[in-house]
Amino acid sequence: MNPLQLGEITIGGGAPFVLIAGPCVIESEAHALDLAGRLTDIARRARVPFIFKASYDKANRTSIRSFRGPGLDEGLRVLAMVKSQFHVPILTDIHEPAHARPAAAVADVLQIPAFLSRQTDLIVAAAKTGRIVNIKKGQFLAPDDVKHAVAKAVDAGNPRVIVTERGTSFGYHNLIVDMRAFPMMRAQGVPVVFDVTHSLQLPGGGDGVTAGLAEYIEPLASAGVAAGVDGVFLEVHDEPSRAKSDAQNALRLDLLEPLLEKLTAIDAIAKRAEARLHG
């Protein structure tokens, strides 16, 4: 696998895992800046490369009454402040091809939402910005199927692609993670990220909102890192019970640092073993 370079951060190629973390959605300027600062400090203490993530618009909420975020212009303004104040790369998701170019003016990574992972025009628009494109594997796709989504970005002239696992639909209101998916997708030559918190959603299971099982974040994240993922994606909130999106599957902020200590230890063992096996 050819690693991707994002400033001083190396993604893939046997490098230590990258942390992608932040609130599900921008709730306010003050909250985003406060949380970004605290996440940056934790990641630096843990010596984990860090990319801040947050959405300016959650266009796929379960209910029309759910909070969607501040919108494109205001959201990108807040993300630009995070980037300039804390000097961290930014990831955000786009839902329309027209959003790709303005989002790319701020974000270092453009994310294709799982439900839109087969939307050709969206992937091509993201790829043409030259930014790293993070394609979330749809809950309805087999691991091998994402090669077609990756090919759309590559054929558009951009090989800087990441694939993210976020669980597979398992009956109604449930997701499962197949650990075989990680080596299957990495065999396609792209870095693979594990979106732990979204994998613990119970989609639509909360009568108009998405429920979740945050109590299983630690074992699931540990298993993914042991399987050799190149990045860990976590939605983190200082008070998950008050979060305006994905409250039930977000990691509580004070639990992040001890979790990173465990994951970095597992990652070091897994990467050494992988180097011996395949070196």
C-alpha atoms as a PDB file:
ATOM      1  CA  MET A   1       0.000   0.000   0.000  1.00  0.00           C
ATOM      2  CA  ASN A   2       1.211   3.489  -0.849  1.00  0.00           C
ATOM      3  CA  PRO A   3       0.750   5.733   2.199  1.00  0.00           C
ATOM      4  CA  LEU A   4      -0.948   9.114   1.901  1.00  0.00           C
ATOM      5  CA  GLN A   5       0.744  12.240   3.155  1.00  0.00           C
ATOM      6  CA  LEU A   6      -1.272  15.007   4.771  1.00  0.00           C
ATOM      7  CA  GLY A   7       1.194  17.626   5.900  1.00  0.00           C
ATOM      8  CA  GLU A   8       3.296  15.915   8.540  1.00  0.00           C
ATOM      9  CA  ILE A   9       0.756  13.088   8.959  1.00  0.00           C
ATOM     10  CA  THR A  10       1.307   9.770   7.215  1.00  0.00           C
ATOM     11  CA  ILE A  11      -1.800   7.657   6.670  1.00  0.00           C
ATOM     12  CA  GLY A  12      -1.212   3.983   5.940  1.00  0.00           C
ATOM     13  CA  GLY A  13       1.905   2.152   4.853  1.00  0.00           C
ATOM     14  CA  GLY A  14       2.576   0.807   8.346  1.00  0.00           C
ATOM     15  CA  ALA A  15       2.517   4.222  10.036  1.00  0.00           C
ATOM     16  CA  PRO A  16       0.855   4.527  13.460  1.00  0.00           C
ATOM     17  CA  PHE A  17      -2.900   4.924  13.285  1.00  0.00           C
ATOM     18  CA  VAL A  18      -4.389   8.365  12.755  1.00  0.00           C
ATOM     19  CA  LEU A  19      -7.172   9.682  14.983  1.00  0.00           C
ATOM     20  CA  ILE A  20     -10.114  11.340  13.231  1.00  0.00           C
ATOM     21  CA  ALA A  21     -12.332  12.809  15.926  1.00  0.00           C
ATOM     22  CA  GLY A  22     -14.797  15.541  16.735  1.00  0.00           C
ATOM     23  CA  PRO A  23     -18.493  16.176  17.224  1.00  0.00           C
ATOM     24  CA  CYS A  24     -20.997  14.704  14.791  1.00  0.00           C
ATOM     25  CA  VAL A  25     -22.171  18.168  13.795  1.00  0.00           C
ATOM     26  CA  ILE A  26     -21.089  21.743  14.479  1.00  0.00           C
ATOM     27  CA  GLU A  27     -23.409  22.799  17.289  1.00  0.00           C
ATOM     28  CA  SER A  28     -22.007  26.310  17.744  1.00  0.00           C
ATOM     29  CA  GLU A  29     -18.786  28.193  17.137  1.00  0.00           C
ATOM     30  CA  ALA A  30     -17.920  28.200  20.838  1.00  0.00           C
ATOM     31  CA  HIS A  31     -18.542  24.478  21.262  1.00  0.00           C
ATOM     32  CA  ALA A  32     -16.551  23.515  18.169  1.00  0.00           C
ATOM     33  CA  LEU A  33     -13.551  25.623  19.181  1.00  0.00           C
ATOM     34  CA  ASP A  34     -13.593  24.400  22.768  1.00  0.00           C
ATOM     35  CA  LEU A  35     -13.853  20.749  21.786  1.00  0.00           C
ATOM     36  CA  ALA A  36     -11.233  21.085  19.042  1.00  0.00           C
ATOM     37  CA  GLY A  37      -8.768  22.580  21.499  1.00  0.00           C
ATOM     38  CA  ARG A  38      -9.310  19.851  24.057  1.00  0.00           C
ATOM     39  CA  LEU A  39      -9.065  17.109  21.436  1.00  0.00           C
ATOM     40  CA  THR A  40      -5.852  18.611  20.074  1.00  0.00           C
ATOM     41  CA  ASP A  41      -4.305  18.632  23.551  1.00  0.00           C
ATOM     42  CA  ILE A  42      -5.303  15.024  24.215  1.00  0.00           C
ATOM     43  CA  ALA A  43      -3.958  13.823  20.864  1.00  0.00           C
ATOM     44  CA  ARG A  44      -0.640  15.609  21.444  1.00  0.00           C
ATOM     45  CA  ARG A  45      -0.239  14.095  24.904  1.00  0.00           C
ATOM     46  CA  ALA A  46      -1.018  10.660  23.477  1.00  0.00           C
ATOM     47  CA  ARG A  47       1.314  11.328  20.505  1.00  0.00           C
ATOM     48  CA  VAL A  48      -1.385  10.339  18.047  1.00  0.00           C
ATOM     49  CA  PRO A  49      -1.679  12.135  14.681  1.00  0.00           C
ATOM     50  CA  PHE A  50      -4.995  13.997  14.714  1.00  0.00           C
ATOM     51  CA  ILE A  51      -7.545  15.197  12.150  1.00  0.00           C
ATOM     52  CA  PHE A  52     -10.518  17.206  13.414  1.00  0.00           C
ATOM     53  CA  LYS A  53     -13.913  16.230  11.975  1.00  0.00           C
ATOM     54  CA  ALA A  54     -17.320  17.844  12.119  1.00  0.00           C
ATOM     55  CA  SER A  55     -20.228  18.281   9.737  1.00  0.00           C
ATOM     56  CA  TYR A  56     -21.644  21.627   8.663  1.00  0.00           C
ATOM     57  CA  ASP A  57     -24.848  19.929   7.534  1.00  0.00           C
ATOM     58  CA  LYS A  58     -26.270  16.516   8.429  1.00  0.00           C
ATOM     59  CA  ALA A  59     -28.476  16.061   5.404  1.00  0.00           C
ATOM     60  CA  ASN A  60     -29.324  12.450   6.259  1.00  0.00           C
ATOM     61  CA  ARG A  61     -30.922  12.796   9.693  1.00  0.00           C
ATOM     62  CA  THR A  62     -33.695  10.328  10.534  1.00  0.00           C
ATOM     63  CA  SER A  63     -36.333  12.997  11.160  1.00  0.00           C
ATOM     64  CA  ILE A  64     -36.992  16.299   9.407  1.00  0.00           C
ATOM     65  CA  ARG A  65     -37.178  17.855  12.899  1.00  0.00           C
ATOM     66  CA  SER A  66     -33.617  16.822  13.788  1.00  0.00           C
ATOM     67  CA  PHE A  67     -30.855  19.419  14.073  1.00  0.00           C
ATOM     68  CA  ARG A  68     -28.829  19.569  10.847  1.00  0.00           C
ATOM     69  CA  GLY A  69     -26.091  22.081  11.623  1.00  0.00           C
ATOM     70  CA  PRO A  70     -25.283  25.676  10.713  1.00  0.00           C
ATOM     71  CA  GLY A  71     -25.106  25.129   6.955  1.00  0.00           C
ATOM     72  CA  LEU A  72     -22.338  25.428   4.372  1.00  0.00           C
ATOM     73  CA  ASP A  73     -21.144  29.011   4.734  1.00  0.00           C
ATOM     74  CA  GLU A  74     -21.314  29.321   8.525  1.00  0.00           C
ATOM     75  CA  GLY A  75     -20.025  25.798   9.059  1.00  0.00           C
ATOM     76  CA  LEU A  76     -16.994  26.301   6.843  1.00  0.00           C
ATOM     77  CA  ARG A  77     -16.270  29.590   8.616  1.00  0.00           C
ATOM     78  CA  VAL A  78     -16.162  27.739  11.950  1.00  0.00           C
ATOM     79  CA  LEU A  79     -14.000  24.938  10.534  1.00  0.00           C
ATOM     80  CA  ALA A  80     -11.589  27.541   9.124  1.00  0.00           C
ATOM     81  CA  MET A  81     -11.281  29.035  12.610  1.00  0.00           C
ATOM     82  CA  VAL A  82     -10.508  25.599  14.078  1.00  0.00           C
ATOM     83  CA  LYS A  83      -7.858  25.030  11.428  1.00  0.00           C
ATOM     84  CA  SER A  84      -6.140  28.395  11.908  1.00  0.00           C
ATOM     85  CA  GLN A  85      -6.329  28.404  15.698  1.00  0.00           C
ATOM     86  CA  PHE A  86      -5.165  24.853  16.391  1.00  0.00           C
ATOM     87  CA  HIS A  87      -3.205  24.053  13.216  1.00  0.00           C
ATOM     88  CA  VAL A  88      -4.909  20.719  12.662  1.00  0.00           C
ATOM     89  CA  PRO A  89      -6.172  19.206   9.398  1.00  0.00           C
ATOM     90  CA  ILE A  90      -9.933  19.248   8.840  1.00  0.00           C
ATOM     91  CA  LEU A  91     -12.323  16.551   7.592  1.00  0.00           C
ATOM     92  CA  THR A  92     -15.915  17.271   6.683  1.00  0.00           C
ATOM     93  CA  ASP A  93     -18.555  15.490   4.627  1.00  0.00           C
ATOM     94  CA  ILE A  94     -20.288  16.777   1.532  1.00  0.00           C
ATOM     95  CA  HIS A  95     -23.701  15.763   0.224  1.00  0.00           C
ATOM     96  CA  GLU A  96     -23.879  17.653  -3.075  1.00  0.00           C
ATOM     97  CA  PRO A  97     -21.322  18.008  -5.912  1.00  0.00           C
ATOM     98  CA  ALA A  98     -21.667  21.803  -5.724  1.00  0.00           C
ATOM     99  CA  HIS A  99     -20.332  21.748  -2.166  1.00  0.00           C
ATOM    100  CA  ALA A 100     -17.049  20.061  -3.089  1.00  0.00           C
ATOM    101  CA  ARG A 101     -15.119  23.129  -4.211  1.00  0.00           C
ATOM    102  CA  PRO A 102     -16.082  25.496  -1.346  1.00  0.00           C
ATOM    103  CA  ALA A 103     -15.559  22.725   1.227  1.00  0.00           C
ATOM    104  CA  ALA A 104     -12.137  21.954  -0.261  1.00  0.00           C
ATOM    105  CA  ALA A 105     -11.092  25.547   0.323  1.00  0.00           C
ATOM    106  CA  VAL A 106     -11.136  24.738   4.060  1.00  0.00           C
ATOM    107  CA  ALA A 107     -11.106  20.971   4.532  1.00  0.00           C
ATOM    108  CA  ASP A 108      -8.084  18.761   3.881  1.00  0.00           C
ATOM    109  CA  VAL A 109     -10.229  15.643   3.562  1.00  0.00           C
ATOM    110  CA  LEU A 110     -13.617  15.509   1.850  1.00  0.00           C
ATOM    111  CA  GLN A 111     -15.808  12.691   3.088  1.00  0.00           C
ATOM    112  CA  ILE A 112     -18.397  10.846   1.027  1.00  0.00           C
ATOM    113  CA  PRO A 113     -21.224   9.718   3.351  1.00  0.00           C
ATOM    114  CA  ALA A 114     -21.976   6.003   3.449  1.00  0.00           C
ATOM    115  CA  PHE A 115     -25.460   6.357   1.998  1.00  0.00           C
ATOM    116  CA  LEU A 116     -23.925   8.278  -0.942  1.00  0.00           C
ATOM    117  CA  SER A 117     -20.970   5.964  -1.604  1.00  0.00           C
ATOM    118  CA  ARG A 118     -22.303   5.044  -5.046  1.00  0.00           C
ATOM    119  CA  GLN A 119     -23.043   8.621  -6.134  1.00  0.00           C
ATOM    120  CA  THR A 120     -20.682   9.037  -9.073  1.00  0.00           C
ATOM    121  CA  ASP A 121     -21.029  12.802  -9.533  1.00  0.00           C
ATOM    122  CA  LEU A 122     -20.354  13.434  -5.839  1.00  0.00           C
ATOM    123  CA  ILE A 123     -17.210  11.276  -5.763  1.00  0.00           C
ATOM    124  CA  VAL A 124     -15.890  12.779  -8.992  1.00  0.00           C
ATOM    125  CA  ALA A 125     -16.498  16.341  -7.776  1.00  0.00           C
ATOM    126  CA  ALA A 126     -14.646  15.597  -4.530  1.00  0.00           C
ATOM    127  CA  ALA A 127     -11.774  13.939  -6.377  1.00  0.00           C
ATOM    128  CA  LYS A 128     -11.337  16.840  -8.789  1.00  0.00           C
ATOM    129  CA  THR A 129     -10.583  19.211  -5.890  1.00  0.00           C
ATOM    130  CA  GLY A 130      -7.317  17.341  -5.292  1.00  0.00           C
ATOM    131  CA  ARG A 131      -8.118  16.892  -1.620  1.00  0.00           C
ATOM    132  CA  ILE A 132      -7.953  13.476   0.027  1.00  0.00           C
ATOM    133  CA  VAL A 133     -11.283  11.717  -0.498  1.00  0.00           C
ATOM    134  CA  ASN A 134     -12.583   9.554   2.337  1.00  0.00           C
ATOM    135  CA  ILE A 135     -15.231   7.173   1.036  1.00  0.00           C
ATOM    136  CA  LYS A 136     -17.379   5.609   3.707  1.00  0.00           C
ATOM    137  CA  LYS A 137     -18.383   2.093   2.755  1.00  0.00           C
ATOM    138  CA  GLY A 138     -22.154   1.949   2.489  1.00  0.00           C
ATOM    139  CA  GLN A 139     -23.955  -0.199   5.041  1.00  0.00           C
ATOM    140  CA  PHE A 140     -25.314  -2.105   2.039  1.00  0.00           C
ATOM    141  CA  LEU A 141     -21.931  -2.861   0.399  1.00  0.00           C
ATOM    142  CA  ALA A 142     -19.623  -5.848   0.656  1.00  0.00           C
ATOM    143  CA  PRO A 143     -15.965  -4.970   1.343  1.00  0.00           C
ATOM    144  CA  ASP A 144     -14.923  -5.805  -2.205  1.00  0.00           C
ATOM    145  CA  ASP A 145     -17.600  -3.525  -3.665  1.00  0.00           C
ATOM    146  CA  VAL A 146     -15.845  -0.336  -2.586  1.00  0.00           C
ATOM    147  CA  LYS A 147     -13.232  -0.870  -5.304  1.00  0.00           C
ATOM    148  CA  HIS A 148     -15.728   0.606  -7.757  1.00  0.00           C
ATOM    149  CA  ALA A 149     -16.154   3.760  -5.668  1.00  0.00           C
ATOM    150  CA  VAL A 150     -12.373   4.078  -5.346  1.00  0.00           C
ATOM    151  CA  ALA A 151     -12.009   3.678  -9.110  1.00  0.00           C
ATOM    152  CA  LYS A 152     -14.367   6.616  -9.691  1.00  0.00           C
ATOM    153  CA  ALA A 153     -12.032   8.917  -7.743  1.00  0.00           C
ATOM    154  CA  VAL A 154      -8.890   7.502  -9.326  1.00  0.00           C
ATOM    155  CA  ASP A 155     -10.335   7.758 -12.835  1.00  0.00           C
ATOM    156  CA  ALA A 156     -11.144  11.395 -12.073  1.00  0.00           C
ATOM    157  CA  GLY A 157      -7.418  11.925 -11.595  1.00  0.00           C
ATOM    158  CA  ASN A 158      -7.104  11.625  -7.821  1.00  0.00           C
ATOM    159  CA  PRO A 159      -5.505   8.511  -6.271  1.00  0.00           C
ATOM    160  CA  ARG A 160      -5.547  10.065  -2.775  1.00  0.00           C
ATOM    161  CA  VAL A 161      -8.375   7.928  -1.432  1.00  0.00           C
ATOM    162  CA  ILE A 162      -9.210   6.455   1.972  1.00  0.00           C
ATOM    163  CA  VAL A 163     -11.940   3.909   2.628  1.00  0.00           C
ATOM    164  CA  THR A 164     -13.810   3.886   5.945  1.00  0.00           C
ATOM    165  CA  GLU A 165     -15.689   0.952   7.465  1.00  0.00           C
ATOM    166  CA  ARG A 166     -18.783   1.987   9.445  1.00  0.00           C
ATOM    167  CA  GLY A 167     -20.701  -1.248   9.887  1.00  0.00           C
ATOM    168  CA  THR A 168     -23.007  -3.354   7.741  1.00  0.00           C
ATOM    169  CA  SER A 169     -26.790  -3.536   8.020  1.00  0.00           C
ATOM    170  CA  PHE A 170     -27.884  -6.576  10.012  1.00  0.00           C
ATOM    171  CA  GLY A 171     -31.639  -6.882  10.041  1.00  0.00           C
ATOM    172  CA  TYR A 172     -33.622  -3.937  11.305  1.00  0.00           C
ATOM    173  CA  HIS A 173     -32.063  -1.161  13.439  1.00  0.00           C
ATOM    174  CA  ASN A 174     -28.705  -2.892  13.796  1.00  0.00           C
ATOM    175  CA  LEU A 175     -25.187  -2.934  12.374  1.00  0.00           C
ATOM    176  CA  ILE A 176     -22.336  -5.408  12.613  1.00  0.00           C
ATOM    177  CA  VAL A 177     -18.627  -5.134  11.788  1.00  0.00           C
ATOM    178  CA  ASP A 178     -16.941  -7.958   9.911  1.00  0.00           C
ATOM    179  CA  MET A 179     -13.249  -7.861  10.866  1.00  0.00           C
ATOM    180  CA  ARG A 180     -12.407  -9.558   7.573  1.00  0.00           C
ATOM    181  CA  ALA A 181     -13.425  -6.326   5.851  1.00  0.00           C
ATOM    182  CA  PHE A 182     -10.257  -4.529   6.968  1.00  0.00           C
ATOM    183  CA  PRO A 183      -7.686  -6.741   5.199  1.00  0.00           C
ATOM    184  CA  MET A 184     -10.056  -7.131   2.239  1.00  0.00           C
ATOM    185  CA  MET A 185     -10.218  -3.389   1.678  1.00  0.00           C
ATOM    186  CA  ARG A 186      -6.551  -2.775   2.453  1.00  0.00           C
ATOM    187  CA  ALA A 187      -5.698  -5.354  -0.236  1.00  0.00           C
ATOM    188  CA  GLN A 188      -7.094  -2.834  -2.734  1.00  0.00           C
ATOM    189  CA  GLY A 189      -4.099  -0.611  -1.992  1.00  0.00           C
ATOM    190  CA  VAL A 190      -5.864   2.123  -0.022  1.00  0.00           C
ATOM    191  CA  PRO A 191      -5.608   3.102   3.658  1.00  0.00           C
ATOM    192  CA  VAL A 192      -8.534   1.867   5.723  1.00  0.00           C
ATOM    193  CA  VAL A 193     -10.135   3.744   8.621  1.00  0.00           C
ATOM    194  CA  PHE A 194     -12.499   2.261  11.188  1.00  0.00           C
ATOM    195  CA  ASP A 195     -15.444   4.472  12.134  1.00  0.00           C
ATOM    196  CA  VAL A 196     -16.079   2.916  15.517  1.00  0.00           C
ATOM    197  CA  THR A 197     -18.847   5.121  16.836  1.00  0.00           C
ATOM    198  CA  HIS A 198     -21.057   5.033  13.736  1.00  0.00           C
ATOM    199  CA  SER A 199     -20.662   1.246  13.685  1.00  0.00           C
ATOM    200  CA  LEU A 200     -22.393   1.232  17.060  1.00  0.00           C
ATOM    201  CA  GLN A 201     -25.478   3.035  15.827  1.00  0.00           C
ATOM    202  CA  LEU A 202     -28.902   1.474  15.975  1.00  0.00           C
ATOM    203  CA  PRO A 203     -30.160   3.279  12.855  1.00  0.00           C
ATOM    204  CA  GLY A 204     -33.627   4.702  13.346  1.00  0.00           C
ATOM    205  CA  GLY A 205     -33.954   2.655  16.521  1.00  0.00           C
ATOM    206  CA  GLY A 206     -34.937   5.579  18.710  1.00  0.00           C
ATOM    207  CA  ASP A 207     -38.372   6.505  17.335  1.00  0.00           C
ATOM    208  CA  GLY A 208     -37.265   9.248  14.980  1.00  0.00           C
ATOM    209  CA  VAL A 209     -33.624   9.397  16.071  1.00  0.00           C
ATOM    210  CA  THR A 210     -30.690   7.038  15.761  1.00  0.00           C
ATOM    211  CA  ALA A 211     -29.958   5.149  18.960  1.00  0.00           C
ATOM    212  CA  GLY A 212     -26.567   3.653  19.795  1.00  0.00           C
ATOM    213  CA  LEU A 213     -24.391   1.485  22.014  1.00  0.00           C
ATOM    214  CA  ALA A 214     -21.514   3.677  23.156  1.00  0.00           C
ATOM    215  CA  GLU A 215     -20.607   1.218  25.920  1.00  0.00           C
ATOM    216  CA  TYR A 216     -18.977  -1.007  23.293  1.00  0.00           C
ATOM    217  CA  ILE A 217     -16.625   1.596  21.830  1.00  0.00           C
ATOM    218  CA  GLU A 218     -13.532   0.306  23.644  1.00  0.00           C
ATOM    219  CA  PRO A 219     -13.754  -3.385  22.653  1.00  0.00           C
ATOM    220  CA  LEU A 220     -14.711  -2.604  19.071  1.00  0.00           C
ATOM    221  CA  ALA A 221     -11.940  -0.013  18.638  1.00  0.00           C
ATOM    222  CA  SER A 222      -9.415  -2.404  20.180  1.00  0.00           C
ATOM    223  CA  ALA A 223     -10.404  -5.180  17.783  1.00  0.00           C
ATOM    224  CA  GLY A 224     -10.126  -2.895  14.773  1.00  0.00           C
ATOM    225  CA  VAL A 225      -6.693  -1.603  15.731  1.00  0.00           C
ATOM    226  CA  ALA A 226      -5.530  -5.170  16.358  1.00  0.00           C
ATOM    227  CA  ALA A 227      -6.717  -5.976  12.837  1.00  0.00           C
ATOM    228  CA  GLY A 228      -4.339  -3.343  11.498  1.00  0.00           C
ATOM    229  CA  VAL A 229      -6.481  -0.359  10.523  1.00  0.00           C
ATOM    230  CA  ASP A 230      -4.719   2.828   9.461  1.00  0.00           C
ATOM    231  CA  GLY A 231      -7.041   5.200  11.277  1.00  0.00           C
ATOM    232  CA  VAL A 232      -9.680   5.328  13.997  1.00  0.00           C
ATOM    233  CA  PHE A 233     -12.727   7.563  13.557  1.00  0.00           C
ATOM    234  CA  LEU A 234     -14.567   8.605  16.722  1.00  0.00           C
ATOM    235  CA  GLU A 235     -17.377  10.991  17.368  1.00  0.00           C
ATOM    236  CA  VAL A 236     -16.493  12.640  20.667  1.00  0.00           C
ATOM    237  CA  HIS A 237     -18.538  14.995  22.830  1.00  0.00           C
ATOM    238  CA  ASP A 238     -17.979  16.586  26.220  1.00  0.00           C
ATOM    239  CA  GLU A 239     -21.587  15.805  27.201  1.00  0.00           C
ATOM    240  CA  PRO A 240     -22.968  13.110  24.872  1.00  0.00           C
ATOM    241  CA  SER A 241     -26.402  13.207  26.482  1.00  0.00           C
ATOM    242  CA  ARG A 242     -26.748  16.801  25.265  1.00  0.00           C
ATOM    243  CA  ALA A 243     -25.282  16.243  21.789  1.00  0.00           C
ATOM    244  CA  LYS A 244     -27.526  17.437  18.976  1.00  0.00           C
ATOM    245  CA  SER A 245     -26.700  14.431  16.781  1.00  0.00           C
ATOM    246  CA  ASP A 246     -25.671  10.816  17.484  1.00  0.00           C
ATOM    247  CA  ALA A 247     -25.805  11.324  21.235  1.00  0.00           C
ATOM    248  CA  GLN A 248     -26.116   7.632  22.100  1.00  0.00           C
ATOM    249  CA  ASN A 249     -23.054   6.415  20.225  1.00  0.00           C
ATOM    250  CA  ALA A 250     -20.593   9.258  20.906  1.00  0.00           C
ATOM    251  CA  LEU A 251     -17.542   8.755  23.105  1.00  0.00           C
ATOM    252  CA  ARG A 252     -17.435  10.881  26.255  1.00  0.00           C
ATOM    253  CA  LEU A 253     -14.464  13.250  26.034  1.00  0.00           C
ATOM    254  CA  ASP A 254     -12.911  12.227  29.351  1.00  0.00           C
ATOM    255  CA  LEU A 255     -12.702   8.626  28.140  1.00  0.00           C
ATOM    256  CA  LEU A 256     -10.665   9.452  25.043  1.00  0.00           C
ATOM    257  CA  GLU A 257      -7.183   9.706  26.570  1.00  0.00           C
ATOM    258  CA  PRO A 258      -7.221   6.327  28.368  1.00  0.00           C
ATOM    259  CA  LEU A 259      -8.691   4.748  25.241  1.00  0.00           C
ATOM    260  CA  LEU A 260      -5.866   6.187  23.111  1.00  0.00           C
ATOM    261  CA  GLU A 261      -3.297   4.809  25.555  1.00  0.00           C
ATOM    262  CA  LYS A 262      -4.735   1.339  25.056  1.00  0.00           C
ATOM    263  CA  LEU A 263      -5.085   1.677  21.295  1.00  0.00           C
ATOM    264  CA  THR A 264      -1.536   2.951  20.758  1.00  0.00           C
ATOM    265  CA  ALA A 265      -0.162  -0.037  22.678  1.00  0.00           C
ATOM    266  CA  ILE A 266      -2.223  -2.448  20.584  1.00  0.00           C
ATOM    267  CA  ASP A 267      -1.282  -0.616  17.388  1.00  0.00           C
ATOM    268  CA  ALA A 268       2.439  -0.882  18.084  1.00  0.00           C
ATOM    269  CA  ILE A 269       2.185  -4.637  18.614  1.00  0.00           C
ATOM    270  CA  ALA A 270      -0.020  -5.132  15.544  1.00  0.00           C
ATOM    271  CA  LYS A 271       2.210  -3.078  13.238  1.00  0.00           C
ATOM    272  CA  ARG A 272       5.405  -4.828  14.428  1.00  0.00           C
ATOM    273  CA  ALA A 273       3.795  -8.219  13.875  1.00  0.00           C
ATOM    274  CA  GLU A 274       2.541  -7.198  10.433  1.00  0.00           C
ATOM    275  CA  ALA A 275       6.018  -5.983   9.441  1.00  0.00           C
ATOM    276  CA  ARG A 276       7.536  -9.330  10.469  1.00  0.00           C
ATOM    277  CA  LEU A 277       4.843 -11.339   8.687  1.00  0.00           C
ATOM    278  CA  HIS A 278       4.934  -9.414   5.440  1.00  0.00           C
ATOM    279  CA  GLY A 279       8.366  -7.818   5.511  1.00  0.00           C
END
